[in-house]
mmCIF file of all heavy atoms, coordinates in Angstrom:
data_MODEL
# 
_entry.id   MODEL 
# 
loop_
_atom_site.group_PDB 
_atom_site.id 
_atom_site.type_symbol 
_atom_site.label_atom_id 
_atom_site.label_alt_id 
_atom_site.label_comp_id 
_atom_site.label_asym_id 
_atom_site.label_entity_id 
_atom_site.label_seq_id 
_atom_site.pdbx_PDB_ins_code 
_atom_site.Cartn_x 
_atom_site.Cartn_y 
_atom_site.Cartn_z 
_atom_site.occupancy 
_atom_site.B_iso_or_equiv 
_atom_site.pdbx_formal_charge 
_atom_site.auth_seq_id 
_atom_site.auth_comp_id 
_atom_site.auth_asym_id 
_atom_site.auth_atom_id 
_atom_site.pdbx_PDB_model_num 
ATOM 1   N N   . CYS A 1 1  ? -61.665 46.663 7.286  1.00 0.00 ? 1  CYS A N   1 
ATOM 2   C CA  . CYS A 1 1  ? -61.932 47.726 8.248  1.00 0.00 ? 1  CYS A CA  1 
ATOM 3   C C   . CYS A 1 1  ? -63.032 48.646 7.726  1.00 0.00 ? 1  CYS A C   1 
ATOM 4   O O   . CYS A 1 1  ? -63.094 48.949 6.532  1.00 0.00 ? 1  CYS A O   1 
ATOM 5   C CB  . CYS A 1 1  ? -60.676 48.556 8.479  1.00 0.00 ? 1  CYS A CB  1 
ATOM 6   S SG  . CYS A 1 1  ? -59.267 47.648 9.123  1.00 0.00 ? 1  CYS A SG  1 
ATOM 7   N N   . GLY A 1 2  ? -63.884 49.102 8.630  1.00 0.00 ? 2  GLY A N   1 
ATOM 8   C CA  . GLY A 1 2  ? -64.877 50.110 8.274  1.00 0.00 ? 2  GLY A CA  1 
ATOM 9   C C   . GLY A 1 2  ? -65.919 49.622 7.292  1.00 0.00 ? 2  GLY A C   1 
ATOM 10  O O   . GLY A 1 2  ? -66.389 50.406 6.469  1.00 0.00 ? 2  GLY A O   1 
ATOM 11  N N   . VAL A 1 3  ? -66.313 48.363 7.386  1.00 0.00 ? 3  VAL A N   1 
ATOM 12  C CA  . VAL A 1 3  ? -67.305 47.803 6.467  1.00 0.00 ? 3  VAL A CA  1 
ATOM 13  C C   . VAL A 1 3  ? -68.661 47.768 7.154  1.00 0.00 ? 3  VAL A C   1 
ATOM 14  O O   . VAL A 1 3  ? -68.801 47.178 8.228  1.00 0.00 ? 3  VAL A O   1 
ATOM 15  C CB  . VAL A 1 3  ? -66.919 46.379 6.018  1.00 0.00 ? 3  VAL A CB  1 
ATOM 16  C CG1 . VAL A 1 3  ? -67.957 45.825 5.053  1.00 0.00 ? 3  VAL A CG1 1 
ATOM 17  C CG2 . VAL A 1 3  ? -65.536 46.383 5.381  1.00 0.00 ? 3  VAL A CG2 1 
ATOM 18  N N   . GLY A 1 4  ? -69.642 48.395 6.545  1.00 0.00 ? 4  GLY A N   1 
ATOM 19  C CA  . GLY A 1 4  ? -70.983 48.397 7.098  1.00 0.00 ? 4  GLY A CA  1 
ATOM 20  C C   . GLY A 1 4  ? -72.025 48.297 6.001  1.00 0.00 ? 4  GLY A C   1 
ATOM 21  O O   . GLY A 1 4  ? -71.691 48.203 4.818  1.00 0.00 ? 4  GLY A O   1 
ATOM 22  N N   . ALA A 1 5  ? -73.285 48.309 6.417  1.00 0.00 ? 5  ALA A N   1 
ATOM 23  C CA  . ALA A 1 5  ? -74.383 48.157 5.473  1.00 0.00 ? 5  ALA A CA  1 
ATOM 24  C C   . ALA A 1 5  ? -74.740 49.457 4.755  1.00 0.00 ? 5  ALA A C   1 
ATOM 25  O O   . ALA A 1 5  ? -75.483 49.438 3.774  1.00 0.00 ? 5  ALA A O   1 
ATOM 26  C CB  . ALA A 1 5  ? -75.621 47.617 6.186  1.00 0.00 ? 5  ALA A CB  1 
ATOM 27  N N   . GLY A 1 6  ? -74.241 50.598 5.243  1.00 0.00 ? 6  GLY A N   1 
ATOM 28  C CA  . GLY A 1 6  ? -74.458 51.863 4.549  1.00 0.00 ? 6  GLY A CA  1 
ATOM 29  C C   . GLY A 1 6  ? -75.767 52.554 4.839  1.00 0.00 ? 6  GLY A C   1 
ATOM 30  O O   . GLY A 1 6  ? -75.941 53.722 4.472  1.00 0.00 ? 6  GLY A O   1 
ATOM 31  N N   . TRP A 1 7  ? -76.703 51.879 5.493  1.00 0.00 ? 7  TRP A N   1 
ATOM 32  C CA  . TRP A 1 7  ? -78.022 52.459 5.773  1.00 0.00 ? 7  TRP A CA  1 
ATOM 33  C C   . TRP A 1 7  ? -77.903 53.547 6.839  1.00 0.00 ? 7  TRP A C   1 
ATOM 34  O O   . TRP A 1 7  ? -77.250 53.352 7.870  1.00 0.00 ? 7  TRP A O   1 
ATOM 35  C CB  . TRP A 1 7  ? -78.962 51.355 6.249  1.00 0.00 ? 7  TRP A CB  1 
ATOM 36  C CG  . TRP A 1 7  ? -80.361 51.786 6.542  1.00 0.00 ? 7  TRP A CG  1 
ATOM 37  C CD1 . TRP A 1 7  ? -81.193 52.508 5.732  1.00 0.00 ? 7  TRP A CD1 1 
ATOM 38  C CD2 . TRP A 1 7  ? -81.113 51.510 7.731  1.00 0.00 ? 7  TRP A CD2 1 
ATOM 39  N NE1 . TRP A 1 7  ? -82.420 52.701 6.333  1.00 0.00 ? 7  TRP A NE1 1 
ATOM 40  C CE2 . TRP A 1 7  ? -82.396 52.088 7.572  1.00 0.00 ? 7  TRP A CE2 1 
ATOM 41  C CE3 . TRP A 1 7  ? -80.823 50.812 8.907  1.00 0.00 ? 7  TRP A CE3 1 
ATOM 42  C CZ2 . TRP A 1 7  ? -83.381 52.001 8.550  1.00 0.00 ? 7  TRP A CZ2 1 
ATOM 43  C CZ3 . TRP A 1 7  ? -81.803 50.722 9.880  1.00 0.00 ? 7  TRP A CZ3 1 
ATOM 44  C CH2 . TRP A 1 7  ? -83.069 51.307 9.700  1.00 0.00 ? 7  TRP A CH2 1 
ATOM 45  N N   . HIS A 1 8  ? -78.555 54.691 6.574  1.00 0.00 ? 8  HIS A N   1 
ATOM 46  C CA  . HIS A 1 8  ? -78.432 55.812 7.502  1.00 0.00 ? 8  HIS A CA  1 
ATOM 47  C C   . HIS A 1 8  ? -79.006 55.487 8.884  1.00 0.00 ? 8  HIS A C   1 
ATOM 48  O O   . HIS A 1 8  ? -78.597 56.057 9.891  1.00 0.00 ? 8  HIS A O   1 
ATOM 49  C CB  . HIS A 1 8  ? -79.125 57.056 6.934  1.00 0.00 ? 8  HIS A CB  1 
ATOM 50  C CG  . HIS A 1 8  ? -80.613 56.941 6.841  1.00 0.00 ? 8  HIS A CG  1 
ATOM 51  N ND1 . HIS A 1 8  ? -81.244 56.333 5.774  1.00 0.00 ? 8  HIS A ND1 1 
ATOM 52  C CD2 . HIS A 1 8  ? -81.604 57.338 7.690  1.00 0.00 ? 8  HIS A CD2 1 
ATOM 53  C CE1 . HIS A 1 8  ? -82.553 56.369 5.961  1.00 0.00 ? 8  HIS A CE1 1 
ATOM 54  N NE2 . HIS A 1 8  ? -82.798 56.967 7.111  1.00 0.00 ? 8  HIS A NE2 1 
ATOM 55  N N   . GLY A 1 9  ? -79.954 54.543 8.932  1.00 0.00 ? 9  GLY A N   1 
ATOM 56  C CA  . GLY A 1 9  ? -80.566 54.193 10.206 1.00 0.00 ? 9  GLY A CA  1 
ATOM 57  C C   . GLY A 1 9  ? -79.631 53.539 11.197 1.00 0.00 ? 9  GLY A C   1 
ATOM 58  O O   . GLY A 1 9  ? -79.897 53.541 12.408 1.00 0.00 ? 9  GLY A O   1 
ATOM 59  N N   . TRP A 1 10 ? -78.527 52.982 10.720 1.00 0.00 ? 10 TRP A N   1 
ATOM 60  C CA  . TRP A 1 10 ? -77.541 52.408 11.629 1.00 0.00 ? 10 TRP A CA  1 
ATOM 61  C C   . TRP A 1 10 ? -76.610 53.468 12.198 1.00 0.00 ? 10 TRP A C   1 
ATOM 62  O O   . TRP A 1 10 ? -75.870 53.198 13.147 1.00 0.00 ? 10 TRP A O   1 
ATOM 63  C CB  . TRP A 1 10 ? -76.692 51.356 10.911 1.00 0.00 ? 10 TRP A CB  1 
ATOM 64  C CG  . TRP A 1 10 ? -77.434 50.173 10.364 1.00 0.00 ? 10 TRP A CG  1 
ATOM 65  C CD1 . TRP A 1 10 ? -77.428 49.732 9.077  1.00 0.00 ? 10 TRP A CD1 1 
ATOM 66  C CD2 . TRP A 1 10 ? -78.271 49.262 11.088 1.00 0.00 ? 10 TRP A CD2 1 
ATOM 67  N NE1 . TRP A 1 10 ? -78.213 48.609 8.937  1.00 0.00 ? 10 TRP A NE1 1 
ATOM 68  C CE2 . TRP A 1 10 ? -78.744 48.296 10.157 1.00 0.00 ? 10 TRP A CE2 1 
ATOM 69  C CE3 . TRP A 1 10 ? -78.668 49.172 12.426 1.00 0.00 ? 10 TRP A CE3 1 
ATOM 70  C CZ2 . TRP A 1 10 ? -79.593 47.261 10.532 1.00 0.00 ? 10 TRP A CZ2 1 
ATOM 71  C CZ3 . TRP A 1 10 ? -79.509 48.137 12.806 1.00 0.00 ? 10 TRP A CZ3 1 
ATOM 72  C CH2 . TRP A 1 10 ? -79.960 47.193 11.866 1.00 0.00 ? 10 TRP A CH2 1 
ATOM 73  N N   . MET A 1 11 ? -76.625 54.653 11.612 1.00 0.00 ? 11 MET A N   1 
ATOM 74  C CA  . MET A 1 11 ? -75.687 55.699 12.012 1.00 0.00 ? 11 MET A CA  1 
ATOM 75  C C   . MET A 1 11 ? -76.212 56.462 13.213 1.00 0.00 ? 11 MET A C   1 
ATOM 76  O O   . MET A 1 11 ? -77.426 56.610 13.396 1.00 0.00 ? 11 MET A O   1 
ATOM 77  C CB  . MET A 1 11 ? -75.460 56.671 10.852 1.00 0.00 ? 11 MET A CB  1 
ATOM 78  C CG  . MET A 1 11 ? -74.910 56.018 9.595  1.00 0.00 ? 11 MET A CG  1 
ATOM 79  S SD  . MET A 1 11 ? -74.775 57.204 8.223  1.00 0.00 ? 11 MET A SD  1 
ATOM 80  C CE  . MET A 1 11 ? -74.361 56.095 6.873  1.00 0.00 ? 11 MET A CE  1 
ATOM 81  N N   . PRO A 1 12 ? -75.324 56.981 14.057 1.00 0.00 ? 12 PRO A N   1 
ATOM 82  C CA  . PRO A 1 12 ? -75.772 57.801 15.181 1.00 0.00 ? 12 PRO A CA  1 
ATOM 83  C C   . PRO A 1 12 ? -76.243 59.174 14.701 1.00 0.00 ? 12 PRO A C   1 
ATOM 84  O O   . PRO A 1 12 ? -75.841 59.654 13.637 1.00 0.00 ? 12 PRO A O   1 
ATOM 85  C CB  . PRO A 1 12 ? -74.519 57.922 16.049 1.00 0.00 ? 12 PRO A CB  1 
ATOM 86  C CG  . PRO A 1 12 ? -73.382 57.788 15.078 1.00 0.00 ? 12 PRO A CG  1 
ATOM 87  C CD  . PRO A 1 12 ? -73.854 56.818 14.032 1.00 0.00 ? 12 PRO A CD  1 
ATOM 88  N N   . ARG A 1 13 ? -77.112 59.778 15.486 1.00 0.00 ? 13 ARG A N   1 
ATOM 89  C CA  . ARG A 1 13 ? -77.488 61.162 15.195 1.00 0.00 ? 13 ARG A CA  1 
ATOM 90  C C   . ARG A 1 13 ? -76.295 62.067 15.520 1.00 0.00 ? 13 ARG A C   1 
ATOM 91  O O   . ARG A 1 13 ? -75.563 61.811 16.465 1.00 0.00 ? 13 ARG A O   1 
ATOM 92  C CB  . ARG A 1 13 ? -78.687 61.579 16.063 1.00 0.00 ? 13 ARG A CB  1 
ATOM 93  C CG  . ARG A 1 13 ? -79.937 60.729 15.856 1.00 0.00 ? 13 ARG A CG  1 
ATOM 94  C CD  . ARG A 1 13 ? -81.069 61.265 16.716 1.00 0.00 ? 13 ARG A CD  1 
ATOM 95  N NE  . ARG A 1 13 ? -82.273 60.465 16.577 1.00 0.00 ? 13 ARG A NE  1 
ATOM 96  C CZ  . ARG A 1 13 ? -82.573 59.402 17.331 1.00 0.00 ? 13 ARG A CZ  1 
ATOM 97  N NH1 . ARG A 1 13 ? -81.737 59.022 18.286 1.00 0.00 ? 13 ARG A NH1 1 
ATOM 98  N NH2 . ARG A 1 13 ? -83.678 58.724 17.145 1.00 0.00 ? 13 ARG A NH2 1 
ATOM 99  N N   . PRO A 1 14 ? -76.068 63.163 14.788 1.00 0.00 ? 14 PRO A N   1 
ATOM 100 C CA  . PRO A 1 14 ? -76.842 63.660 13.639 1.00 0.00 ? 14 PRO A CA  1 
ATOM 101 C C   . PRO A 1 14 ? -76.343 63.143 12.287 1.00 0.00 ? 14 PRO A C   1 
ATOM 102 O O   . PRO A 1 14 ? -76.846 63.572 11.252 1.00 0.00 ? 14 PRO A O   1 
ATOM 103 C CB  . PRO A 1 14 ? -76.641 65.167 13.737 1.00 0.00 ? 14 PRO A CB  1 
ATOM 104 C CG  . PRO A 1 14 ? -75.249 65.306 14.282 1.00 0.00 ? 14 PRO A CG  1 
ATOM 105 C CD  . PRO A 1 14 ? -75.064 64.159 15.236 1.00 0.00 ? 14 PRO A CD  1 
ATOM 106 N N   . GLU A 1 15 ? -75.371 62.218 12.284 1.00 0.00 ? 15 GLU A N   1 
ATOM 107 C CA  . GLU A 1 15 ? -74.809 61.745 11.020 1.00 0.00 ? 15 GLU A CA  1 
ATOM 108 C C   . GLU A 1 15 ? -75.875 61.096 10.152 1.00 0.00 ? 15 GLU A C   1 
ATOM 109 O O   . GLU A 1 15 ? -75.848 61.215 8.929  1.00 0.00 ? 15 GLU A O   1 
ATOM 110 C CB  . GLU A 1 15 ? -73.674 60.755 11.260 1.00 0.00 ? 15 GLU A CB  1 
ATOM 111 C CG  . GLU A 1 15 ? -72.904 60.372 10.006 1.00 0.00 ? 15 GLU A CG  1 
ATOM 112 C CD  . GLU A 1 15 ? -72.121 61.534 9.405  1.00 0.00 ? 15 GLU A CD  1 
ATOM 113 O OE1 . GLU A 1 15 ? -71.839 62.515 10.133 1.00 0.00 ? 15 GLU A OE1 1 
ATOM 114 O OE2 . GLU A 1 15 ? -71.774 61.452 8.207  1.00 0.00 ? 15 GLU A OE2 1 
ATOM 115 N N   . ARG A 1 16 ? -76.849 60.420 10.771 1.00 0.00 ? 16 ARG A N   1 
ATOM 116 C CA  . ARG A 1 16 ? -77.894 59.774 9.967  1.00 0.00 ? 16 ARG A CA  1 
ATOM 117 C C   . ARG A 1 16 ? -78.695 60.788 9.173  1.00 0.00 ? 16 ARG A C   1 
ATOM 118 O O   . ARG A 1 16 ? -79.125 60.513 8.054  1.00 0.00 ? 16 ARG A O   1 
ATOM 119 C CB  . ARG A 1 16 ? -78.819 58.941 10.852 1.00 0.00 ? 16 ARG A CB  1 
ATOM 120 C CG  . ARG A 1 16 ? -79.722 59.729 11.793 1.00 0.00 ? 16 ARG A CG  1 
ATOM 121 C CD  . ARG A 1 16 ? -80.677 58.833 12.548 1.00 0.00 ? 16 ARG A CD  1 
ATOM 122 N NE  . ARG A 1 16 ? -79.972 57.833 13.341 1.00 0.00 ? 16 ARG A NE  1 
ATOM 123 C CZ  . ARG A 1 16 ? -80.594 56.969 14.147 1.00 0.00 ? 16 ARG A CZ  1 
ATOM 124 N NH1 . ARG A 1 16 ? -81.920 56.988 14.247 1.00 0.00 ? 16 ARG A NH1 1 
ATOM 125 N NH2 . ARG A 1 16 ? -79.898 56.102 14.851 1.00 0.00 ? 16 ARG A NH2 1 
ATOM 126 N N   . TYR A 1 17 ? -78.870 61.979 9.737  1.00 0.00 ? 17 TYR A N   1 
ATOM 127 C CA  . TYR A 1 17 ? -79.631 63.014 9.025  1.00 0.00 ? 17 TYR A CA  1 
ATOM 128 C C   . TYR A 1 17 ? -78.798 63.601 7.884  1.00 0.00 ? 17 TYR A C   1 
ATOM 129 O O   . TYR A 1 17 ? -79.341 63.909 6.810  1.00 0.00 ? 17 TYR A O   1 
ATOM 130 C CB  . TYR A 1 17 ? -80.057 64.114 10.002 1.00 0.00 ? 17 TYR A CB  1 
ATOM 131 C CG  . TYR A 1 17 ? -80.845 63.589 11.171 1.00 0.00 ? 17 TYR A CG  1 
ATOM 132 C CD1 . TYR A 1 17 ? -80.453 63.853 12.473 1.00 0.00 ? 17 TYR A CD1 1 
ATOM 133 C CD2 . TYR A 1 17 ? -81.979 62.795 10.973 1.00 0.00 ? 17 TYR A CD2 1 
ATOM 134 C CE1 . TYR A 1 17 ? -81.167 63.367 13.552 1.00 0.00 ? 17 TYR A CE1 1 
ATOM 135 C CE2 . TYR A 1 17 ? -82.704 62.298 12.054 1.00 0.00 ? 17 TYR A CE2 1 
ATOM 136 C CZ  . TYR A 1 17 ? -82.283 62.588 13.345 1.00 0.00 ? 17 TYR A CZ  1 
ATOM 137 O OH  . TYR A 1 17 ? -82.985 62.087 14.406 1.00 0.00 ? 17 TYR A OH  1 
ATOM 138 N N   . ARG A 1 18 ? -77.497 63.756 8.113  1.00 0.00 ? 18 ARG A N   1 
ATOM 139 C CA  . ARG A 1 18 ? -76.639 64.254 7.040  1.00 0.00 ? 18 ARG A CA  1 
ATOM 140 C C   . ARG A 1 18 ? -76.570 63.240 5.898  1.00 0.00 ? 18 ARG A C   1 
ATOM 141 O O   . ARG A 1 18 ? -76.596 63.616 4.717  1.00 0.00 ? 18 ARG A O   1 
ATOM 142 C CB  . ARG A 1 18 ? -75.232 64.540 7.591  1.00 0.00 ? 18 ARG A CB  1 
ATOM 143 C CG  . ARG A 1 18 ? -75.149 65.769 8.465  1.00 0.00 ? 18 ARG A CG  1 
ATOM 144 C CD  . ARG A 1 18 ? -73.715 66.209 8.661  1.00 0.00 ? 18 ARG A CD  1 
ATOM 145 N NE  . ARG A 1 18 ? -72.998 65.282 9.527  1.00 0.00 ? 18 ARG A NE  1 
ATOM 146 C CZ  . ARG A 1 18 ? -72.833 65.458 10.836 1.00 0.00 ? 18 ARG A CZ  1 
ATOM 147 N NH1 . ARG A 1 18 ? -73.343 66.532 11.423 1.00 0.00 ? 18 ARG A NH1 1 
ATOM 148 N NH2 . ARG A 1 18 ? -72.157 64.579 11.558 1.00 0.00 ? 18 ARG A NH2 1 
ATOM 149 N N   . ALA A 1 19 ? -76.467 61.962 6.244  1.00 0.00 ? 19 ALA A N   1 
ATOM 150 C CA  . ALA A 1 19 ? -76.420 60.931 5.204  1.00 0.00 ? 19 ALA A CA  1 
ATOM 151 C C   . ALA A 1 19 ? -77.731 60.882 4.427  1.00 0.00 ? 19 ALA A C   1 
ATOM 152 O O   . ALA A 1 19 ? -77.733 60.758 3.196  1.00 0.00 ? 19 ALA A O   1 
ATOM 153 C CB  . ALA A 1 19 ? -76.120 59.569 5.827  1.00 0.00 ? 19 ALA A CB  1 
ATOM 154 N N   . TRP A 1 20 ? -78.849 60.978 5.136  1.00 0.00 ? 20 TRP A N   1 
ATOM 155 C CA  . TRP A 1 20 ? -80.156 60.971 4.465  1.00 0.00 ? 20 TRP A CA  1 
ATOM 156 C C   . TRP A 1 20 ? -80.254 62.143 3.492  1.00 0.00 ? 20 TRP A C   1 
ATOM 157 O O   . TRP A 1 20 ? -80.726 61.992 2.358  1.00 0.00 ? 20 TRP A O   1 
ATOM 158 C CB  . TRP A 1 20 ? -81.278 61.041 5.491  1.00 0.00 ? 20 TRP A CB  1 
ATOM 159 C CG  . TRP A 1 20 ? -82.650 60.921 4.885  1.00 0.00 ? 20 TRP A CG  1 
ATOM 160 C CD1 . TRP A 1 20 ? -83.380 59.786 4.718  1.00 0.00 ? 20 TRP A CD1 1 
ATOM 161 C CD2 . TRP A 1 20 ? -83.445 62.000 4.352  1.00 0.00 ? 20 TRP A CD2 1 
ATOM 162 N NE1 . TRP A 1 20 ? -84.583 60.073 4.106  1.00 0.00 ? 20 TRP A NE1 1 
ATOM 163 C CE2 . TRP A 1 20 ? -84.644 61.420 3.871  1.00 0.00 ? 20 TRP A CE2 1 
ATOM 164 C CE3 . TRP A 1 20 ? -83.269 63.370 4.228  1.00 0.00 ? 20 TRP A CE3 1 
ATOM 165 C CZ2 . TRP A 1 20 ? -85.652 62.179 3.286  1.00 0.00 ? 20 TRP A CZ2 1 
ATOM 166 C CZ3 . TRP A 1 20 ? -84.267 64.129 3.641  1.00 0.00 ? 20 TRP A CZ3 1 
ATOM 167 C CH2 . TRP A 1 20 ? -85.440 63.538 3.180  1.00 0.00 ? 20 TRP A CH2 1 
ATOM 168 N N   . ALA A 1 21 ? -79.791 63.316 3.934  1.00 0.00 ? 21 ALA A N   1 
ATOM 169 C CA  . ALA A 1 21 ? -79.842 64.497 3.069  1.00 0.00 ? 21 ALA A CA  1 
ATOM 170 C C   . ALA A 1 21 ? -78.931 64.340 1.858  1.00 0.00 ? 21 ALA A C   1 
ATOM 171 O O   . ALA A 1 21 ? -79.277 64.771 0.749  1.00 0.00 ? 21 ALA A O   1 
ATOM 172 C CB  . ALA A 1 21 ? -79.463 65.747 3.865  1.00 0.00 ? 21 ALA A CB  1 
ATOM 173 N N   . LEU A 1 22 ? -77.788 63.715 2.040  1.00 0.00 ? 22 LEU A N   1 
ATOM 174 C CA  . LEU A 1 22 ? -76.879 63.501 0.919  1.00 0.00 ? 22 LEU A CA  1 
ATOM 175 C C   . LEU A 1 22 ? -77.537 62.647 -0.157 1.00 0.00 ? 22 LEU A C   1 
ATOM 176 O O   . LEU A 1 22 ? -77.460 62.971 -1.348 1.00 0.00 ? 22 LEU A O   1 
ATOM 177 C CB  . LEU A 1 22 ? -75.594 62.827 1.403  1.00 0.00 ? 22 LEU A CB  1 
ATOM 178 C CG  . LEU A 1 22 ? -74.580 62.437 0.321  1.00 0.00 ? 22 LEU A CG  1 
ATOM 179 C CD1 . LEU A 1 22 ? -74.026 63.674 -0.366 1.00 0.00 ? 22 LEU A CD1 1 
ATOM 180 C CD2 . LEU A 1 22 ? -73.434 61.611 0.925  1.00 0.00 ? 22 LEU A CD2 1 
ATOM 181 N N   . TRP A 1 23 ? -78.196 61.577 0.262  1.00 0.00 ? 23 TRP A N   1 
ATOM 182 C CA  . TRP A 1 23 ? -78.809 60.669 -0.709 1.00 0.00 ? 23 TRP A CA  1 
ATOM 183 C C   . TRP A 1 23 ? -80.084 61.232 -1.319 1.00 0.00 ? 23 TRP A C   1 
ATOM 184 O O   . TRP A 1 23 ? -80.352 61.017 -2.499 1.00 0.00 ? 23 TRP A O   1 
ATOM 185 C CB  . TRP A 1 23 ? -79.129 59.333 -0.044 1.00 0.00 ? 23 TRP A CB  1 
ATOM 186 C CG  . TRP A 1 23 ? -77.941 58.523 0.377  1.00 0.00 ? 23 TRP A CG  1 
ATOM 187 C CD1 . TRP A 1 23 ? -77.673 58.050 1.635  1.00 0.00 ? 23 TRP A CD1 1 
ATOM 188 C CD2 . TRP A 1 23 ? -76.852 58.092 -0.437 1.00 0.00 ? 23 TRP A CD2 1 
ATOM 189 N NE1 . TRP A 1 23 ? -76.481 57.363 1.645  1.00 0.00 ? 23 TRP A NE1 1 
ATOM 190 C CE2 . TRP A 1 23 ? -75.967 57.363 0.386  1.00 0.00 ? 23 TRP A CE2 1 
ATOM 191 C CE3 . TRP A 1 23 ? -76.545 58.248 -1.788 1.00 0.00 ? 23 TRP A CE3 1 
ATOM 192 C CZ2 . TRP A 1 23 ? -74.788 56.800 -0.091 1.00 0.00 ? 23 TRP A CZ2 1 
ATOM 193 C CZ3 . TRP A 1 23 ? -75.373 57.683 -2.267 1.00 0.00 ? 23 TRP A CZ3 1 
ATOM 194 C CH2 . TRP A 1 23 ? -74.512 56.971 -1.424 1.00 0.00 ? 23 TRP A CH2 1 
ATOM 195 N N   . ASN A 1 24 ? -80.869 61.943 -0.530 1.00 0.00 ? 24 ASN A N   1 
ATOM 196 C CA  . ASN A 1 24 ? -82.219 62.299 -0.960 1.00 0.00 ? 24 ASN A CA  1 
ATOM 197 C C   . ASN A 1 24 ? -82.414 63.752 -1.370 1.00 0.00 ? 24 ASN A C   1 
ATOM 198 O O   . ASN A 1 24 ? -83.395 64.066 -2.042 1.00 0.00 ? 24 ASN A O   1 
ATOM 199 C CB  . ASN A 1 24 ? -83.213 61.972 0.169  1.00 0.00 ? 24 ASN A CB  1 
ATOM 200 C CG  . ASN A 1 24 ? -83.278 60.490 0.457  1.00 0.00 ? 24 ASN A CG  1 
ATOM 201 O OD1 . ASN A 1 24 ? -83.870 59.720 -0.276 1.00 0.00 ? 24 ASN A OD1 1 
ATOM 202 N ND2 . ASN A 1 24 ? -82.634 60.075 1.548  1.00 0.00 ? 24 ASN A ND2 1 
ATOM 203 N N   . VAL A 1 25 ? -81.500 64.625 -0.989 1.00 0.00 ? 25 VAL A N   1 
ATOM 204 C CA  . VAL A 1 25 ? -81.662 66.054 -1.310 1.00 0.00 ? 25 VAL A CA  1 
ATOM 205 C C   . VAL A 1 25 ? -80.484 66.538 -2.164 1.00 0.00 ? 25 VAL A C   1 
ATOM 206 O O   . VAL A 1 25 ? -80.655 66.927 -3.326 1.00 0.00 ? 25 VAL A O   1 
ATOM 207 C CB  . VAL A 1 25 ? -81.771 66.907 -0.023 1.00 0.00 ? 25 VAL A CB  1 
ATOM 208 C CG1 . VAL A 1 25 ? -81.942 68.379 -0.402 1.00 0.00 ? 25 VAL A CG1 1 
ATOM 209 C CG2 . VAL A 1 25 ? -82.928 66.426 0.838  1.00 0.00 ? 25 VAL A CG2 1 
ATOM 210 N N   . VAL A 1 26 ? -79.292 66.487 -1.606 1.00 0.00 ? 26 VAL A N   1 
ATOM 211 C CA  . VAL A 1 26 ? -78.128 67.043 -2.288 1.00 0.00 ? 26 VAL A CA  1 
ATOM 212 C C   . VAL A 1 26 ? -77.726 66.198 -3.489 1.00 0.00 ? 26 VAL A C   1 
ATOM 213 O O   . VAL A 1 26 ? -77.517 66.707 -4.596 1.00 0.00 ? 26 VAL A O   1 
ATOM 214 C CB  . VAL A 1 26 ? -76.939 67.181 -1.305 1.00 0.00 ? 26 VAL A CB  1 
ATOM 215 C CG1 . VAL A 1 26 ? -75.720 67.732 -2.024 1.00 0.00 ? 26 VAL A CG1 1 
ATOM 216 C CG2 . VAL A 1 26 ? -77.327 68.066 -0.133 1.00 0.00 ? 26 VAL A CG2 1 
ATOM 217 N N   . GLY A 1 27 ? -77.615 64.888 -3.286 1.00 0.00 ? 27 GLY A N   1 
ATOM 218 C CA  . GLY A 1 27 ? -77.141 64.003 -4.343 1.00 0.00 ? 27 GLY A CA  1 
ATOM 219 C C   . GLY A 1 27 ? -77.941 64.083 -5.628 1.00 0.00 ? 27 GLY A C   1 
ATOM 220 O O   . GLY A 1 27 ? -77.372 64.247 -6.720 1.00 0.00 ? 27 GLY A O   1 
ATOM 221 N N   . PRO A 1 28 ? -79.278 63.951 -5.568 1.00 0.00 ? 28 PRO A N   1 
ATOM 222 C CA  . PRO A 1 28 ? -80.065 64.015 -6.804 1.00 0.00 ? 28 PRO A CA  1 
ATOM 223 C C   . PRO A 1 28 ? -79.897 65.324 -7.570 1.00 0.00 ? 28 PRO A C   1 
ATOM 224 O O   . PRO A 1 28 ? -79.913 65.332 -8.805 1.00 0.00 ? 28 PRO A O   1 
ATOM 225 C CB  . PRO A 1 28 ? -81.496 63.838 -6.296 1.00 0.00 ? 28 PRO A CB  1 
ATOM 226 C CG  . PRO A 1 28 ? -81.363 63.054 -5.035 1.00 0.00 ? 28 PRO A CG  1 
ATOM 227 C CD  . PRO A 1 28 ? -80.104 63.566 -4.407 1.00 0.00 ? 28 PRO A CD  1 
# 
């Protein structure tokens, strides 16, 4: 259940933007 590729581009807006920020801004 709930298995996906993890890429933010597959996610609906605005979740894709939050995921992008997690990986590229907050996470680092």
